[in-house]
Structures are given as C-alpha cells and as structure tokens.
Amino acid sequence: MTKYREYYQKMVDNNKEVFENFQRLHDRYVLDEEKWQEEFNKEGEKILLVIQEYENKLCSQSEKGGYSHFTPKLAEKFREEVRKHFSMIDHIGIRVDVFALKKIKLS
C-alpha cells in the first residue's frame, strides 16, 4: 500500500465516528445541496481540520527524508484519495444566498 493511502486509512480508522457521521451527511448533501449546505459547511470544517492534520503528518515525513520537492505531489495524491471517497469535499465553505426577484407592478 502506498504511503498516502496508508495515511488516509489511518486517518479514517483513528476518526471512525467522525467520518461515519460525515459520510451520512455527505450522502444527504449529494441528494439536496441547498437543504444541507449549512450543516455540510459546519461539519465539513471539522473534517478539513482532520484531513489537514494527516496531510501535514504525511508531508512532514517526506520533508524529513530529504524529498521535499515531492511533497506537493504527495499532498495532491492524498487529497485525490479523499475526493474518491467524498466527492463533494471541495464544496465545503460554499455560501448559498437566496436570490429572489421582486415583482414589478405595471398599471
């Protein structure tokens, strides 16, 4: 197993309950974005912090080993692995404003 997949699996295993709850919310969000956007953003902030923590751990290992020029590619592969499981992860933080037109009275 590659290092980034290993760290992804470790992240999910160590935060099993958080990721299970987010998976359920993610599935609901896929079906109705407008309805779940606010809650998705709120819970997504927590998930992004966990993802960032494990991404930093993964990349710091490469930097210590003298492979710092590979770090951006490694981080991107890790993020791609996250996107495989949570396709809407990049939608966290989107703000939805309700847009309404006022009727014009013609008389």
N, C-alpha and C. Protein backbone atom coordinates (compact mmCIF):
# COMPACT_ATOMS: atom_id res chain seq x y z
N MET A 1 0.85 -1.17 0.00
CA MET A 1 0.00 0.00 0.00
C MET A 1 0.90 1.24 0.00
N THR A 2 0.53 2.22 -0.82
CA THR A 2 1.32 3.45 -0.88
C THR A 2 1.17 4.25 0.40
N LYS A 3 2.13 5.12 0.62
CA LYS A 3 2.18 5.88 1.86
C LYS A 3 0.95 6.78 2.03
N TYR A 4 0.53 7.46 0.97
CA TYR A 4 -0.62 8.37 1.10
C TYR A 4 -1.91 7.59 1.38
N ARG A 5 -2.05 6.41 0.80
CA ARG A 5 -3.23 5.58 1.08
C ARG A 5 -3.18 5.05 2.51
N GLU A 6 -1.99 4.73 2.95
CA GLU A 6 -1.81 4.26 4.32
C GLU A 6 -2.22 5.34 5.32
N TYR A 7 -1.80 6.59 5.06
CA TYR A 7 -2.17 7.70 5.94
C TYR A 7 -3.67 7.99 5.86
N TYR A 8 -4.25 7.85 4.67
CA TYR A 8 -5.70 8.05 4.54
C TYR A 8 -6.43 7.02 5.40
N GLN A 9 -6.02 5.76 5.29
CA GLN A 9 -6.68 4.70 6.05
C GLN A 9 -6.50 4.90 7.56
N LYS A 10 -5.31 5.33 7.94
CA LYS A 10 -5.04 5.60 9.35
C LYS A 10 -5.93 6.75 9.85
N MET A 11 -6.09 7.77 9.03
CA MET A 11 -6.92 8.91 9.38
C MET A 11 -8.37 8.47 9.60
N VAL A 12 -8.90 7.68 8.68
CA VAL A 12 -10.28 7.22 8.78
C VAL A 12 -10.46 6.29 9.97
N ASP A 13 -9.51 5.39 10.19
CA ASP A 13 -9.61 4.45 11.31
C ASP A 13 -9.53 5.16 12.66
N ASN A 14 -8.66 6.16 12.77
CA ASN A 14 -8.50 6.86 14.04
C ASN A 14 -9.64 7.83 14.34
N ASN A 15 -10.40 8.19 13.33
CA ASN A 15 -11.53 9.12 13.48
C ASN A 15 -12.79 8.50 12.90
N LYS A 16 -13.00 7.24 13.21
CA LYS A 16 -14.06 6.45 12.59
C LYS A 16 -15.45 7.09 12.76
N GLU A 17 -15.79 7.48 13.96
CA GLU A 17 -17.13 8.02 14.22
C GLU A 17 -17.35 9.34 13.47
N VAL A 18 -16.35 10.19 13.47
CA VAL A 18 -16.45 11.49 12.79
C VAL A 18 -16.65 11.28 11.29
N PHE A 19 -15.89 10.37 10.70
CA PHE A 19 -16.01 10.13 9.27
C PHE A 19 -17.31 9.40 8.92
N GLU A 20 -17.80 8.53 9.78
CA GLU A 20 -19.08 7.88 9.51
C GLU A 20 -20.22 8.90 9.51
N ASN A 21 -20.20 9.81 10.49
CA ASN A 21 -21.22 10.86 10.54
C ASN A 21 -21.13 11.76 9.31
N PHE A 22 -19.91 12.10 8.93
CA PHE A 22 -19.73 12.96 7.76
C PHE A 22 -20.16 12.25 6.48
N GLN A 23 -19.93 10.94 6.40
CA GLN A 23 -20.34 10.18 5.22
C GLN A 23 -21.86 10.23 5.05
N ARG A 24 -22.59 10.07 6.15
CA ARG A 24 -24.06 10.15 6.08
C ARG A 24 -24.50 11.55 5.62
N LEU A 25 -23.88 12.57 6.20
CA LEU A 25 -24.21 13.95 5.81
C LEU A 25 -23.83 14.20 4.36
N HIS A 26 -22.69 13.71 3.94
CA HIS A 26 -22.23 13.86 2.57
C HIS A 26 -23.23 13.24 1.59
N ASP A 27 -23.72 12.06 1.92
CA ASP A 27 -24.70 11.38 1.06
C ASP A 27 -25.99 12.19 0.95
N ARG A 28 -26.43 12.77 2.06
CA ARG A 28 -27.63 13.62 2.03
C ARG A 28 -27.37 14.89 1.22
N TYR A 29 -26.17 15.44 1.37
CA TYR A 29 -25.80 16.65 0.65
C TYR A 29 -25.79 16.42 -0.86
N VAL A 30 -25.34 15.27 -1.29
CA VAL A 30 -25.31 14.95 -2.72
C VAL A 30 -26.73 14.98 -3.30
N LEU A 31 -27.70 14.53 -2.52
CA LEU A 31 -29.08 14.48 -2.99
C LEU A 31 -29.77 15.84 -2.99
N ASP A 32 -29.45 16.70 -2.03
CA ASP A 32 -30.09 18.02 -1.93
C ASP A 32 -29.10 19.03 -1.36
N GLU A 33 -28.34 19.67 -2.24
CA GLU A 33 -27.29 20.59 -1.81
C GLU A 33 -27.83 21.79 -1.03
N GLU A 34 -28.89 22.38 -1.52
CA GLU A 34 -29.41 23.59 -0.88
C GLU A 34 -29.87 23.34 0.55
N LYS A 35 -30.53 22.23 0.75
CA LYS A 35 -31.09 21.92 2.06
C LYS A 35 -29.98 21.67 3.09
N TRP A 36 -28.91 21.01 2.69
CA TRP A 36 -27.88 20.56 3.63
C TRP A 36 -26.61 21.41 3.63
N GLN A 37 -26.56 22.47 2.83
CA GLN A 37 -25.32 23.24 2.68
C GLN A 37 -24.79 23.79 4.01
N GLU A 38 -25.65 24.37 4.80
CA GLU A 38 -25.21 24.98 6.06
C GLU A 38 -24.61 23.94 7.01
N GLU A 39 -25.29 22.83 7.19
CA GLU A 39 -24.79 21.78 8.08
C GLU A 39 -23.53 21.14 7.48
N PHE A 40 -23.51 20.99 6.16
CA PHE A 40 -22.34 20.43 5.47
C PHE A 40 -21.11 21.31 5.70
N ASN A 41 -21.30 22.61 5.65
CA ASN A 41 -20.19 23.54 5.90
C ASN A 41 -19.70 23.42 7.34
N LYS A 42 -20.64 23.36 8.27
CA LYS A 42 -20.29 23.30 9.69
C LYS A 42 -19.51 22.03 10.03
N GLU A 43 -20.03 20.89 9.62
CA GLU A 43 -19.36 19.62 9.89
C GLU A 43 -18.10 19.47 9.04
N GLY A 44 -18.14 20.05 7.86
CA GLY A 44 -17.00 19.97 6.96
C GLY A 44 -15.76 20.66 7.50
N GLU A 45 -15.95 21.72 8.28
CA GLU A 45 -14.81 22.41 8.89
C GLU A 45 -14.03 21.45 9.78
N LYS A 46 -14.74 20.63 10.54
CA LYS A 46 -14.09 19.66 11.43
C LYS A 46 -13.32 18.63 10.61
N ILE A 47 -13.94 18.16 9.54
CA ILE A 47 -13.31 17.15 8.68
C ILE A 47 -12.07 17.73 8.02
N LEU A 48 -12.15 18.96 7.56
CA LEU A 48 -10.99 19.58 6.90
C LEU A 48 -9.82 19.72 7.86
N LEU A 49 -10.10 19.99 9.13
CA LEU A 49 -9.02 20.08 10.12
C LEU A 49 -8.33 18.73 10.30
N VAL A 50 -9.11 17.66 10.33
CA VAL A 50 -8.55 16.31 10.47
C VAL A 50 -7.73 15.96 9.23
N ILE A 51 -8.28 16.27 8.05
CA ILE A 51 -7.57 15.98 6.80
C ILE A 51 -6.26 16.76 6.75
N GLN A 52 -6.30 18.03 7.12
CA GLN A 52 -5.09 18.85 7.12
C GLN A 52 -4.04 18.30 8.08
N GLU A 53 -4.48 17.84 9.23
CA GLU A 53 -3.56 17.28 10.22
C GLU A 53 -2.81 16.07 9.64
N TYR A 54 -3.54 15.16 9.02
CA TYR A 54 -2.91 13.96 8.47
C TYR A 54 -2.10 14.26 7.22
N GLU A 55 -2.52 15.24 6.45
CA GLU A 55 -1.73 15.66 5.29
C GLU A 55 -0.39 16.24 5.75
N ASN A 56 -0.43 17.03 6.82
CA ASN A 56 0.81 17.59 7.36
C ASN A 56 1.73 16.50 7.89
N LYS A 57 1.16 15.49 8.55
CA LYS A 57 1.97 14.38 9.05
C LYS A 57 2.63 13.64 7.90
N LEU A 58 1.87 13.38 6.86
CA LEU A 58 2.38 12.67 5.70
C LEU A 58 3.50 13.44 5.03
N CYS A 59 3.28 14.72 4.82
CA CYS A 59 4.27 15.54 4.11
C CYS A 59 5.50 15.81 4.96
N SER A 60 5.34 15.92 6.26
CA SER A 60 6.50 16.18 7.11
C SER A 60 7.46 15.00 7.10
N GLN A 61 6.93 13.78 6.94
CA GLN A 61 7.78 12.60 6.85
C GLN A 61 8.66 12.67 5.59
N SER A 62 8.08 13.14 4.48
CA SER A 62 8.85 13.26 3.24
C SER A 62 9.90 14.35 3.35
N GLU A 63 9.54 15.46 3.98
CA GLU A 63 10.48 16.57 4.12
C GLU A 63 11.66 16.18 4.99
N LYS A 64 11.41 15.41 6.04
CA LYS A 64 12.49 14.96 6.91
C LYS A 64 13.44 14.03 6.17
N GLY A 65 12.89 13.27 5.24
CA GLY A 65 13.70 12.31 4.50
C GLY A 65 14.47 12.93 3.35
N GLY A 66 14.33 14.23 3.14
CA GLY A 66 15.06 14.90 2.08
C GLY A 66 14.36 14.88 0.73
N TYR A 67 13.09 14.57 0.73
CA TYR A 67 12.33 14.51 -0.52
C TYR A 67 11.31 15.64 -0.61
N SER A 68 11.70 16.81 -0.18
CA SER A 68 10.75 17.92 -0.09
C SER A 68 10.21 18.36 -1.45
N HIS A 69 10.95 18.12 -2.53
CA HIS A 69 10.44 18.53 -3.83
C HIS A 69 9.30 17.62 -4.31
N PHE A 70 9.10 16.47 -3.66
CA PHE A 70 7.98 15.59 -3.99
C PHE A 70 6.74 15.87 -3.14
N THR A 71 6.88 16.69 -2.12
CA THR A 71 5.81 16.93 -1.16
C THR A 71 4.51 17.46 -1.79
N PRO A 72 4.55 18.45 -2.70
CA PRO A 72 3.28 18.91 -3.29
C PRO A 72 2.52 17.81 -4.04
N LYS A 73 3.25 16.96 -4.76
CA LYS A 73 2.59 15.87 -5.48
C LYS A 73 2.00 14.86 -4.51
N LEU A 74 2.71 14.60 -3.43
CA LEU A 74 2.23 13.68 -2.42
C LEU A 74 0.96 14.21 -1.76
N ALA A 75 0.96 15.50 -1.45
CA ALA A 75 -0.23 16.12 -0.85
C ALA A 75 -1.41 16.05 -1.81
N GLU A 76 -1.16 16.26 -3.09
CA GLU A 76 -2.24 16.20 -4.08
C GLU A 76 -2.79 14.77 -4.21
N LYS A 77 -1.93 13.79 -4.17
CA LYS A 77 -2.39 12.40 -4.23
C LYS A 77 -3.24 12.05 -3.00
N PHE A 78 -2.83 12.56 -1.85
CA PHE A 78 -3.60 12.35 -0.63
C PHE A 78 -4.99 12.97 -0.77
N ARG A 79 -5.04 14.20 -1.27
CA ARG A 79 -6.33 14.89 -1.47
C ARG A 79 -7.19 14.16 -2.49
N GLU A 80 -6.58 13.61 -3.53
CA GLU A 80 -7.33 12.85 -4.53
C GLU A 80 -7.95 11.60 -3.90
N GLU A 81 -7.21 10.99 -2.99
CA GLU A 81 -7.74 9.81 -2.29
C GLU A 81 -8.96 10.21 -1.45
N VAL A 82 -8.90 11.37 -0.82
CA VAL A 82 -10.04 11.87 -0.05
C VAL A 82 -11.23 12.11 -0.98
N ARG A 83 -10.96 12.72 -2.16
CA ARG A 83 -12.03 13.01 -3.12
C ARG A 83 -12.68 11.74 -3.67
N LYS A 84 -11.93 10.64 -3.73
CA LYS A 84 -12.52 9.38 -4.19
C LYS A 84 -13.67 8.95 -3.28
N HIS A 85 -13.50 9.19 -2.00
CA HIS A 85 -14.49 8.76 -1.02
C HIS A 85 -15.53 9.84 -0.71
N PHE A 86 -15.12 11.10 -0.82
CA PHE A 86 -16.01 12.24 -0.54
C PHE A 86 -15.93 13.20 -1.73
N SER A 87 -16.71 12.92 -2.74
CA SER A 87 -16.63 13.67 -4.00
C SER A 87 -16.98 15.15 -3.85
N MET A 88 -17.75 15.50 -2.84
CA MET A 88 -18.18 16.89 -2.67
C MET A 88 -17.35 17.63 -1.62
N ILE A 89 -16.21 17.11 -1.26
CA ILE A 89 -15.39 17.71 -0.20
C ILE A 89 -14.99 19.14 -0.55
N ASP A 90 -14.85 19.43 -1.83
CA ASP A 90 -14.46 20.78 -2.24
C ASP A 90 -15.61 21.77 -2.15
N HIS A 91 -16.80 21.30 -1.85
CA HIS A 91 -17.96 22.19 -1.71
C HIS A 91 -18.11 22.73 -0.29
N ILE A 92 -17.23 22.30 0.60
CA ILE A 92 -17.28 22.82 1.97
C ILE A 92 -16.91 24.29 1.95
N GLY A 93 -17.74 25.08 2.59
CA GLY A 93 -17.48 26.51 2.67
C GLY A 93 -18.23 27.33 1.66
N ILE A 94 -18.94 26.68 0.76
CA ILE A 94 -19.72 27.43 -0.23
C ILE A 94 -20.88 28.10 0.48
N ARG A 95 -21.06 29.36 0.18
CA ARG A 95 -22.16 30.11 0.77
C ARG A 95 -23.27 30.26 -0.25
N VAL A 96 -24.45 29.91 0.15
CA VAL A 96 -25.59 30.00 -0.75
C VAL A 96 -26.50 31.12 -0.27
N ASP A 97 -26.65 32.12 -1.11
CA ASP A 97 -27.57 33.21 -0.81
C ASP A 97 -28.83 33.01 -1.64
N VAL A 98 -29.94 33.17 -1.00
CA VAL A 98 -31.21 33.02 -1.70
C VAL A 98 -31.43 34.27 -2.54
N PHE A 99 -31.72 34.07 -3.79
CA PHE A 99 -31.92 35.16 -4.72
C PHE A 99 -33.38 35.20 -5.12
N ALA A 100 -33.99 36.33 -4.94
CA ALA A 100 -35.41 36.47 -5.30
C ALA A 100 -35.62 37.78 -6.05
N LEU A 101 -36.46 37.71 -7.03
CA LEU A 101 -36.80 38.91 -7.79
C LEU A 101 -38.10 39.49 -7.25
N LYS A 102 -38.13 40.78 -7.17
CA LYS A 102 -39.36 41.42 -6.73
C LYS A 102 -40.24 41.66 -7.95
N LYS A 103 -41.51 41.50 -7.73
CA LYS A 103 -42.46 41.70 -8.82
C LYS A 103 -42.63 43.19 -9.09
N ILE A 104 -42.73 43.49 -10.33
CA ILE A 104 -42.96 44.88 -10.75
C ILE A 104 -44.42 44.99 -11.15
N LYS A 105 -45.07 45.99 -10.56
CA LYS A 105 -46.49 46.19 -10.89
C LYS A 105 -46.59 47.17 -12.05
N LEU A 106 -47.22 46.71 -13.10
CA LEU A 106 -47.45 47.56 -14.26
C LEU A 106 -48.93 47.98 -14.24
N SER A 107 -49.16 49.25 -14.16
CA SER A 107 -50.55 49.68 -14.15
C SER A 107 -50.83 50.77 -15.13
